[in-house]
Amino acid sequence: MNEEKRNTGLPYDFSELPEEELEQIIKTAEKEIERRKEVKREIALHQVLAAAQEAGMTPEELLRMATEAKGGRRRHGGGKRGAIAWRHPDDPGKVYRGGKKPEWLKELKEKGREPVKVE
């Protein structure tokens, strides 16, 4: 093929790569983007929880205020998370809403400790 080299403005030249390799690059990039989004969400959650704690609020009070700020709407329907049922006693960011038990809950029980029930 006598094709001109494309100037995409990217630091990489993808024009010579086979489609299978390009597909793998796309999948890897999408996974990395999702990982980074999850890290940002976790950081935001910990920042919000820390700010609430600094203000003397419990996570439950914060959640109640956030729900009231939305006009008291609650989510319903298939596949959406329900109300928090159990929270890790040392890390309020770790919650269990039912279904498959998370590792932190199993480890807590092995240590003879119990999660905090959220009503």
N, C-alpha and C. Protein backbone atom coordinates (compact mmCIF):
# COMPACT_ATOMS: atom_id res chain seq x y z
N MET A 1 0.84 -1.19 0.00
CA MET A 1 0.00 0.00 0.00
C MET A 1 0.88 1.24 0.00
N ASN A 2 0.49 2.18 -0.78
CA ASN A 2 1.23 3.42 -0.86
C ASN A 2 0.40 4.53 -0.24
N GLU A 3 0.06 4.34 1.02
CA GLU A 3 -0.80 5.27 1.74
C GLU A 3 0.05 6.33 2.43
N GLU A 4 -0.44 7.55 2.44
CA GLU A 4 0.29 8.60 3.15
C GLU A 4 0.17 8.38 4.65
N LYS A 5 1.24 8.75 5.37
CA LYS A 5 1.22 8.64 6.83
C LYS A 5 0.26 9.68 7.38
N ARG A 6 -0.64 9.25 8.21
CA ARG A 6 -1.66 10.15 8.76
C ARG A 6 -1.08 10.93 9.93
N ASN A 7 -1.38 12.21 9.99
CA ASN A 7 -0.97 13.05 11.11
C ASN A 7 -2.19 13.25 12.00
N THR A 8 -2.26 12.44 13.09
CA THR A 8 -3.41 12.51 13.99
C THR A 8 -3.17 13.45 15.16
N GLY A 9 -1.95 13.92 15.31
CA GLY A 9 -1.64 14.78 16.43
C GLY A 9 -1.35 13.99 17.71
N LEU A 10 -1.43 12.67 17.64
CA LEU A 10 -1.16 11.82 18.79
C LEU A 10 0.31 11.42 18.82
N PRO A 11 0.83 11.10 20.00
CA PRO A 11 2.24 10.70 20.07
C PRO A 11 2.50 9.30 19.53
N TYR A 12 1.45 8.61 19.09
CA TYR A 12 1.60 7.25 18.58
C TYR A 12 1.08 7.16 17.16
N ASP A 13 1.69 6.30 16.37
CA ASP A 13 1.23 6.05 15.01
C ASP A 13 0.52 4.70 15.00
N PHE A 14 -0.81 4.74 14.90
CA PHE A 14 -1.61 3.52 14.93
C PHE A 14 -1.86 2.96 13.52
N SER A 15 -1.46 3.67 12.51
CA SER A 15 -1.82 3.31 11.14
C SER A 15 -1.27 1.96 10.70
N GLU A 16 -0.19 1.50 11.28
CA GLU A 16 0.42 0.23 10.86
C GLU A 16 -0.02 -0.97 11.71
N LEU A 17 -0.79 -0.71 12.77
CA LEU A 17 -1.18 -1.80 13.67
C LEU A 17 -2.34 -2.61 13.09
N PRO A 18 -2.32 -3.93 13.34
CA PRO A 18 -3.46 -4.75 12.90
C PRO A 18 -4.70 -4.42 13.73
N GLU A 19 -5.88 -4.67 13.15
CA GLU A 19 -7.13 -4.34 13.83
C GLU A 19 -7.26 -5.03 15.17
N GLU A 20 -6.80 -6.28 15.29
CA GLU A 20 -6.90 -7.01 16.56
C GLU A 20 -6.14 -6.28 17.67
N GLU A 21 -4.97 -5.76 17.31
CA GLU A 21 -4.17 -5.04 18.30
C GLU A 21 -4.84 -3.70 18.67
N LEU A 22 -5.42 -3.04 17.68
CA LEU A 22 -6.14 -1.81 17.95
C LEU A 22 -7.33 -2.06 18.88
N GLU A 23 -8.06 -3.16 18.64
CA GLU A 23 -9.18 -3.52 19.51
C GLU A 23 -8.70 -3.73 20.94
N GLN A 24 -7.57 -4.40 21.10
CA GLN A 24 -7.02 -4.65 22.45
C GLN A 24 -6.61 -3.35 23.12
N ILE A 25 -6.03 -2.44 22.34
CA ILE A 25 -5.66 -1.14 22.88
C ILE A 25 -6.89 -0.39 23.37
N ILE A 26 -7.97 -0.45 22.58
CA ILE A 26 -9.22 0.22 22.96
C ILE A 26 -9.77 -0.37 24.25
N LYS A 27 -9.79 -1.71 24.35
CA LYS A 27 -10.31 -2.36 25.55
C LYS A 27 -9.48 -1.98 26.77
N THR A 28 -8.16 -1.99 26.60
CA THR A 28 -7.27 -1.65 27.71
C THR A 28 -7.48 -0.19 28.13
N ALA A 29 -7.61 0.70 27.14
CA ALA A 29 -7.82 2.12 27.44
C ALA A 29 -9.16 2.33 28.16
N GLU A 30 -10.21 1.63 27.72
CA GLU A 30 -11.52 1.76 28.37
C GLU A 30 -11.47 1.28 29.82
N LYS A 31 -10.76 0.17 30.06
CA LYS A 31 -10.62 -0.33 31.43
C LYS A 31 -9.87 0.68 32.29
N GLU A 32 -8.82 1.28 31.74
CA GLU A 32 -8.05 2.27 32.49
C GLU A 32 -8.88 3.50 32.81
N ILE A 33 -9.70 3.94 31.86
CA ILE A 33 -10.58 5.08 32.09
C ILE A 33 -11.56 4.77 33.21
N GLU A 34 -12.16 3.58 33.20
CA GLU A 34 -13.10 3.19 34.26
C GLU A 34 -12.40 3.10 35.61
N ARG A 35 -11.17 2.57 35.63
CA ARG A 35 -10.41 2.48 36.88
C ARG A 35 -10.16 3.88 37.46
N ARG A 36 -9.78 4.80 36.59
CA ARG A 36 -9.51 6.17 37.04
C ARG A 36 -10.78 6.85 37.55
N LYS A 37 -11.91 6.61 36.87
CA LYS A 37 -13.18 7.17 37.34
C LYS A 37 -13.53 6.63 38.71
N GLU A 38 -13.32 5.34 38.93
CA GLU A 38 -13.62 4.73 40.23
C GLU A 38 -12.73 5.31 41.32
N VAL A 39 -11.46 5.53 41.02
CA VAL A 39 -10.55 6.14 42.00
C VAL A 39 -11.04 7.54 42.35
N LYS A 40 -11.45 8.32 41.33
CA LYS A 40 -11.96 9.67 41.58
C LYS A 40 -13.22 9.63 42.44
N ARG A 41 -14.10 8.65 42.19
CA ARG A 41 -15.33 8.51 42.98
C ARG A 41 -14.99 8.20 44.44
N GLU A 42 -14.04 7.27 44.64
CA GLU A 42 -13.65 6.90 46.00
C GLU A 42 -13.05 8.09 46.74
N ILE A 43 -12.21 8.85 46.06
CA ILE A 43 -11.60 10.03 46.67
C ILE A 43 -12.69 11.03 47.05
N ALA A 44 -13.63 11.26 46.13
CA ALA A 44 -14.73 12.20 46.40
C ALA A 44 -15.55 11.73 47.59
N LEU A 45 -15.85 10.44 47.65
CA LEU A 45 -16.62 9.90 48.76
C LEU A 45 -15.90 10.14 50.08
N HIS A 46 -14.62 9.84 50.13
CA HIS A 46 -13.86 10.02 51.38
C HIS A 46 -13.78 11.50 51.77
N GLN A 47 -13.68 12.39 50.77
CA GLN A 47 -13.66 13.82 51.06
C GLN A 47 -14.99 14.29 51.65
N VAL A 48 -16.08 13.80 51.06
CA VAL A 48 -17.40 14.18 51.55
C VAL A 48 -17.62 13.64 52.95
N LEU A 49 -17.25 12.38 53.18
CA LEU A 49 -17.41 11.79 54.51
C LEU A 49 -16.55 12.51 55.54
N ALA A 50 -15.33 12.89 55.15
CA ALA A 50 -14.45 13.62 56.08
C ALA A 50 -15.04 14.99 56.41
N ALA A 51 -15.59 15.67 55.40
CA ALA A 51 -16.20 16.98 55.64
C ALA A 51 -17.42 16.84 56.55
N ALA A 52 -18.21 15.80 56.34
CA ALA A 52 -19.38 15.56 57.19
C ALA A 52 -18.94 15.29 58.62
N GLN A 53 -17.91 14.47 58.78
CA GLN A 53 -17.42 14.15 60.12
C GLN A 53 -16.89 15.40 60.80
N GLU A 54 -16.19 16.24 60.05
CA GLU A 54 -15.65 17.48 60.60
C GLU A 54 -16.78 18.41 61.06
N ALA A 55 -17.92 18.33 60.38
CA ALA A 55 -19.08 19.13 60.74
C ALA A 55 -19.91 18.47 61.84
N GLY A 56 -19.47 17.30 62.31
CA GLY A 56 -20.18 16.61 63.37
C GLY A 56 -21.37 15.80 62.89
N MET A 57 -21.38 15.48 61.60
CA MET A 57 -22.50 14.72 61.04
C MET A 57 -22.11 13.26 60.86
N THR A 58 -23.10 12.40 61.00
CA THR A 58 -22.88 10.99 60.69
C THR A 58 -23.15 10.79 59.21
N PRO A 59 -22.63 9.71 58.63
CA PRO A 59 -22.93 9.43 57.22
C PRO A 59 -24.44 9.31 56.97
N GLU A 60 -25.17 8.79 57.94
CA GLU A 60 -26.62 8.66 57.79
C GLU A 60 -27.29 10.03 57.70
N GLU A 61 -26.84 10.97 58.53
CA GLU A 61 -27.40 12.33 58.48
C GLU A 61 -27.10 12.98 57.13
N LEU A 62 -25.89 12.77 56.65
CA LEU A 62 -25.50 13.32 55.35
C LEU A 62 -26.38 12.75 54.24
N LEU A 63 -26.58 11.44 54.27
CA LEU A 63 -27.41 10.78 53.27
C LEU A 63 -28.85 11.29 53.34
N ARG A 64 -29.36 11.45 54.55
CA ARG A 64 -30.73 11.95 54.72
C ARG A 64 -30.84 13.36 54.16
N MET A 65 -29.86 14.23 54.44
CA MET A 65 -29.88 15.59 53.93
C MET A 65 -29.80 15.60 52.40
N ALA A 66 -28.97 14.75 51.84
CA ALA A 66 -28.84 14.68 50.38
C ALA A 66 -30.15 14.23 49.75
N THR A 67 -30.83 13.28 50.38
CA THR A 67 -32.11 12.80 49.87
C THR A 67 -33.16 13.89 49.95
N GLU A 68 -33.18 14.62 51.06
CA GLU A 68 -34.14 15.71 51.23
C GLU A 68 -33.88 16.83 50.23
N ALA A 69 -32.61 17.07 49.92
CA ALA A 69 -32.26 18.12 48.96
C ALA A 69 -32.76 17.79 47.56
N LYS A 70 -32.94 16.52 47.29
CA LYS A 70 -33.46 16.10 45.98
C LYS A 70 -34.98 16.02 46.00
N GLY A 71 -35.60 16.56 47.00
CA GLY A 71 -37.06 16.53 47.06
C GLY A 71 -37.58 15.25 47.67
N GLY A 72 -36.74 14.54 48.41
CA GLY A 72 -37.17 13.32 49.08
C GLY A 72 -37.39 12.14 48.16
N ARG A 73 -36.89 12.23 46.92
CA ARG A 73 -37.07 11.12 45.99
C ARG A 73 -36.19 9.94 46.37
N ARG A 74 -36.71 8.77 46.20
CA ARG A 74 -35.95 7.55 46.43
C ARG A 74 -35.91 6.77 45.14
N ARG A 75 -34.83 6.03 44.95
CA ARG A 75 -34.71 5.23 43.73
C ARG A 75 -35.44 3.92 43.90
N HIS A 76 -36.13 3.54 42.85
CA HIS A 76 -36.82 2.25 42.82
C HIS A 76 -36.54 1.61 41.48
N GLY A 77 -36.72 0.31 41.42
CA GLY A 77 -36.58 -0.34 40.14
C GLY A 77 -35.50 -1.39 40.16
N GLY A 78 -35.49 -2.20 39.15
CA GLY A 78 -34.54 -3.30 39.06
C GLY A 78 -33.12 -2.83 38.86
N GLY A 79 -32.21 -3.49 39.51
CA GLY A 79 -30.80 -3.25 39.32
C GLY A 79 -30.25 -2.04 40.04
N LYS A 80 -31.07 -1.29 40.72
CA LYS A 80 -30.57 -0.12 41.44
C LYS A 80 -30.37 -0.48 42.90
N ARG A 81 -29.40 0.20 43.51
CA ARG A 81 -29.07 -0.09 44.90
C ARG A 81 -30.17 0.38 45.84
N GLY A 82 -30.40 -0.41 46.87
CA GLY A 82 -31.37 -0.04 47.88
C GLY A 82 -30.69 0.71 49.00
N ALA A 83 -31.38 0.85 50.10
CA ALA A 83 -30.84 1.56 51.26
C ALA A 83 -29.67 0.77 51.85
N ILE A 84 -28.75 1.48 52.43
CA ILE A 84 -27.60 0.84 53.07
C ILE A 84 -28.08 0.04 54.26
N ALA A 85 -27.67 -1.20 54.37
CA ALA A 85 -28.10 -2.04 55.46
C ALA A 85 -27.01 -2.20 56.52
N TRP A 86 -25.76 -2.31 56.10
CA TRP A 86 -24.64 -2.53 57.02
C TRP A 86 -23.46 -1.67 56.60
N ARG A 87 -22.73 -1.15 57.61
CA ARG A 87 -21.57 -0.32 57.34
C ARG A 87 -20.39 -0.83 58.17
N HIS A 88 -19.20 -0.74 57.62
CA HIS A 88 -17.97 -1.14 58.33
C HIS A 88 -17.79 -0.19 59.52
N PRO A 89 -17.52 -0.71 60.72
CA PRO A 89 -17.41 0.16 61.90
C PRO A 89 -16.23 1.13 61.85
N ASP A 90 -15.16 0.79 61.11
CA ASP A 90 -13.99 1.65 61.07
C ASP A 90 -13.89 2.46 59.78
N ASP A 91 -14.59 2.07 58.74
CA ASP A 91 -14.51 2.75 57.44
C ASP A 91 -15.92 2.94 56.89
N PRO A 92 -16.54 4.11 57.14
CA PRO A 92 -17.92 4.33 56.72
C PRO A 92 -18.11 4.28 55.20
N GLY A 93 -17.03 4.29 54.44
CA GLY A 93 -17.14 4.18 52.99
C GLY A 93 -17.45 2.77 52.53
N LYS A 94 -17.25 1.79 53.41
CA LYS A 94 -17.52 0.39 53.07
C LYS A 94 -18.92 0.03 53.54
N VAL A 95 -19.78 -0.28 52.59
CA VAL A 95 -21.17 -0.59 52.92
C VAL A 95 -21.59 -1.89 52.27
N TYR A 96 -22.63 -2.50 52.83
CA TYR A 96 -23.20 -3.74 52.30
C TYR A 96 -24.70 -3.56 52.21
N ARG A 97 -25.23 -3.72 51.01
CA ARG A 97 -26.65 -3.51 50.77
C ARG A 97 -27.40 -4.80 50.50
N GLY A 98 -26.73 -5.91 50.63
CA GLY A 98 -27.36 -7.19 50.33
C GLY A 98 -26.71 -7.83 49.13
N GLY A 99 -27.05 -9.08 48.90
CA GLY A 99 -26.44 -9.80 47.78
C GLY A 99 -25.17 -10.49 48.23
N LYS A 100 -24.22 -10.62 47.31
CA LYS A 100 -22.96 -11.28 47.62
C LYS A 100 -22.21 -10.49 48.70
N LYS A 101 -21.77 -11.19 49.73
CA LYS A 101 -21.10 -10.51 50.85
C LYS A 101 -19.70 -10.08 50.42
N PRO A 102 -19.34 -8.82 50.73
CA PRO A 102 -18.01 -8.33 50.38
C PRO A 102 -16.94 -8.93 51.30
N GLU A 103 -15.71 -8.89 50.84
CA GLU A 103 -14.60 -9.44 51.61
C GLU A 103 -14.47 -8.77 52.97
N TRP A 104 -14.68 -7.45 53.04
CA TRP A 104 -14.50 -6.76 54.32
C TRP A 104 -15.47 -7.29 55.36
N LEU A 105 -16.68 -7.69 54.93
CA LEU A 105 -17.68 -8.21 55.87
C LEU A 105 -17.24 -9.59 56.37
N LYS A 106 -16.74 -10.41 55.47
CA LYS A 106 -16.25 -11.74 55.86
C LYS A 106 -15.08 -11.62 56.83
N GLU A 107 -14.14 -10.71 56.52
CA GLU A 107 -12.96 -10.52 57.38
C GLU A 107 -13.37 -9.99 58.75
N LEU A 108 -14.33 -9.10 58.78
CA LEU A 108 -14.81 -8.54 60.04
C LEU A 108 -15.39 -9.65 60.91
N LYS A 109 -16.22 -10.50 60.33
CA LYS A 109 -16.85 -11.60 61.08
C LYS A 109 -15.81 -12.60 61.58
N GLU A 110 -14.77 -12.85 60.75
CA GLU A 110 -13.70 -13.77 61.16
C GLU A 110 -12.97 -13.24 62.39
N LYS A 111 -12.91 -11.92 62.53
CA LYS A 111 -12.25 -11.29 63.67
C LYS A 111 -13.18 -11.19 64.87
N GLY A 112 -14.41 -11.69 64.70
CA GLY A 112 -15.37 -11.66 65.81
C GLY A 112 -16.04 -10.31 65.96
N ARG A 113 -15.97 -9.47 64.94
CA ARG A 113 -16.58 -8.14 65.00
C ARG A 113 -17.83 -8.13 64.13
N GLU A 114 -18.67 -7.17 64.39
CA GLU A 114 -19.92 -7.06 63.65
C GLU A 114 -20.00 -5.72 62.91
N PRO A 115 -20.65 -5.70 61.77
CA PRO A 115 -20.85 -4.42 61.08
C PRO A 115 -21.91 -3.61 61.81
N VAL A 116 -21.97 -2.32 61.51
CA VAL A 116 -22.95 -1.43 62.12
C VAL A 116 -24.20 -1.45 61.25
N LYS A 117 -25.34 -1.73 61.88
CA LYS A 117 -26.61 -1.76 61.15
C LYS A 117 -27.09 -0.33 60.93
N VAL A 118 -27.48 -0.04 59.70
CA VAL A 118 -27.98 1.28 59.36
C VAL A 118 -29.47 1.14 59.10
N GLU A 119 -30.26 1.91 59.81
CA GLU A 119 -31.72 1.82 59.64
C GLU A 119 -32.27 3.05 58.98
